[in-house]
Amino acid sequence: MRGAFDRVLVPQPNGQKQSYTHDEFMALPVDDRVRVILARTATFYRGEIVIDQTEALKGIRGPR
């Protein structure tokens, strides 16, 4: 597993949810990832446990 999450569910326009691994989510175009993150519509998981978006994203931010 990379980062603080290993799976993310993202709602699609048709009402379905698309599941992505960490690497698949990170491979999405930046504008798609930013849109989902800002809308707070994604559900992040570590194993089977739902984790807070802020916690999930800590691992992908660069140093401050």
Protein backbone atom coordinates (compact mmCIF):
# COMPACT_ATOMS: atom_id res chain seq x y z
CA MET A 1 0.00 0.00 0.00
CA ARG A 2 1.17 3.50 -0.77
CA GLY A 3 0.07 6.56 1.15
CA ALA A 4 -2.57 6.66 3.83
CA PHE A 5 -5.27 5.02 1.69
CA ASP A 6 -5.36 1.95 -0.51
CA ARG A 7 -8.75 2.39 -2.18
CA VAL A 8 -11.12 5.22 -3.01
CA LEU A 9 -14.73 5.18 -4.22
CA VAL A 10 -15.69 8.05 -6.50
CA PRO A 11 -19.33 8.74 -7.45
CA GLN A 12 -20.03 8.81 -11.18
CA PRO A 13 -22.67 10.91 -13.00
CA ASN A 14 -24.83 7.79 -13.50
CA GLY A 15 -25.06 7.23 -9.73
CA GLN A 16 -22.63 4.31 -9.67
CA LYS A 17 -19.38 4.45 -7.70
CA GLN A 18 -16.05 3.78 -9.36
CA SER A 19 -13.41 2.07 -7.24
CA TYR A 20 -9.75 3.02 -7.70
CA THR A 21 -6.60 1.72 -6.06
CA HIS A 22 -4.22 4.32 -4.67
CA ASP A 23 -2.09 4.18 -7.82
CA GLU A 24 -5.11 4.34 -10.15
CA PHE A 25 -6.48 7.38 -8.32
CA MET A 26 -3.10 9.10 -8.47
CA ALA A 27 -2.93 8.35 -12.21
CA LEU A 28 -6.18 10.24 -12.89
CA PRO A 29 -5.72 13.65 -14.49
CA VAL A 30 -4.98 16.28 -11.84
CA ASP A 31 -8.12 18.27 -12.61
CA ASP A 32 -10.29 15.16 -12.03
CA ARG A 33 -8.62 14.43 -8.68
CA VAL A 34 -8.86 18.05 -7.54
CA ARG A 35 -12.54 18.21 -8.50
CA VAL A 36 -13.34 15.10 -6.44
CA ILE A 37 -11.24 16.27 -3.49
CA LEU A 38 -12.74 19.77 -3.40
CA ALA A 39 -16.28 18.40 -3.74
CA ARG A 40 -15.52 15.97 -0.88
CA THR A 41 -17.49 13.26 -2.68
CA ALA A 42 -14.90 10.48 -2.57
CA THR A 43 -14.78 7.84 0.15
CA PHE A 44 -11.26 6.77 1.11
CA TYR A 45 -10.41 3.39 2.62
CA ARG A 46 -7.49 1.79 4.38
CA GLY A 47 -8.36 -1.86 4.13
CA GLU A 48 -12.07 -2.01 4.92
CA ILE A 49 -12.00 1.05 7.19
CA VAL A 50 -13.29 4.40 5.93
CA ILE A 51 -10.77 7.13 6.68
CA ASP A 52 -11.14 10.88 6.75
CA GLN A 53 -10.20 12.63 3.49
CA THR A 54 -7.68 14.86 5.27
CA GLU A 55 -5.93 11.81 6.73
CA ALA A 56 -6.07 10.00 3.39
CA LEU A 57 -4.45 12.87 1.55
CA LYS A 58 -1.65 13.59 4.03
CA GLY A 59 0.50 10.97 2.36
CA ILE A 60 0.35 12.58 -1.08
CA ARG A 61 1.22 16.13 -0.06
CA GLY A 62 4.75 17.34 -0.38
CA PRO A 63 6.70 18.83 2.51
CA ARG A 64 5.37 22.10 3.89
